[in-house]
Amino acid sequence: MIVAAHQPAYLPWLGYLDKMAKCDVFVVMDDLPFEPRNFQNRNRIAHERGPAWLTVPVHDTGERIVDKLVDNSPRGEDHWQHRTWRTLVSSYRHAPYFNRYVDDLRFVFMQPWRRLVDLDIYMLDLARRWLKIQVPIVRSSTLDLVGDDVTDRLIQVCKKVGARAYLSGSGNATKTLDAERIGRAGLGVIWQVFDHPTYPQACGDGSGSFTSNLGFVDLLFNCGPASRETLFGRGHPIHCSGRVAA
């Protein structure tokens, strides 16, 4: 069994979903410290003036992601949900498949979200449903992990869920993850290899150049039913590639 893990993300990008689809169990690391100006409460979409950030405001309380509360002031048209919805509609109303997903997405911005992690996981569940990703998810706050060391926590995750290998992203994790120590624990490390797909983008700044690393809704609004194949390729997408350290 292969496990992957990542902090919860708001409107996760395609590389996040690719990693999820390549494992057997995905652990949402919701008991880690909240990181301001990261992707736990914000992400980018295409806009006529270039990529635009959509941000969920949060209160300056609670150090862990699982404890972080959404700031639902001010009210009315200036509320973050109204502003986000207006930006989404203005950006994607002419996208070929916007109307296919608009009702489900509108529902998200009509709910009284109190905790950021609940919103993030709801968005993740939307992506899983729309892209038919059936990999189960587990929240790390339910695993009783101890300590702050990244490698030690991932070893604990693997043992808690019965995994024999950990699928890691190939970004900052290559500097912070001790693959040798994981190997000594009897576990393997697989490094994710992800090539960002390109696809026709109906929205954007009009330059004609492709904008990558946006929130997953950009792919769905532009490609609709073809989104799964665009992201994963033909056939069954659940397989791992990359370097393995034992």
Foldseek 3Di string as FASTA:
>chain_A
DEEEEDAQFALAFLVVVLLLLQGQEYEHAQFAFDDPPDGLFWFWDAAQVGIDIQGFAWDPDDGTLQPIWTDQDDDDCPGSLNVVVVRVCNFQVPAPCCVVCVVVVVVLSVDDGTHSNVSSVVSVVVVCVQLVRPRYYHYVVVQPADDDQPQSRVLSVCVSVVHQEYEYEPPCCVVRYDQVVSVVSRHKYFYADADWFFDDQPGHNPPRDTDHRGRPVRLCSRPPPCSNCRSQNPDRRHHGDGDMDD
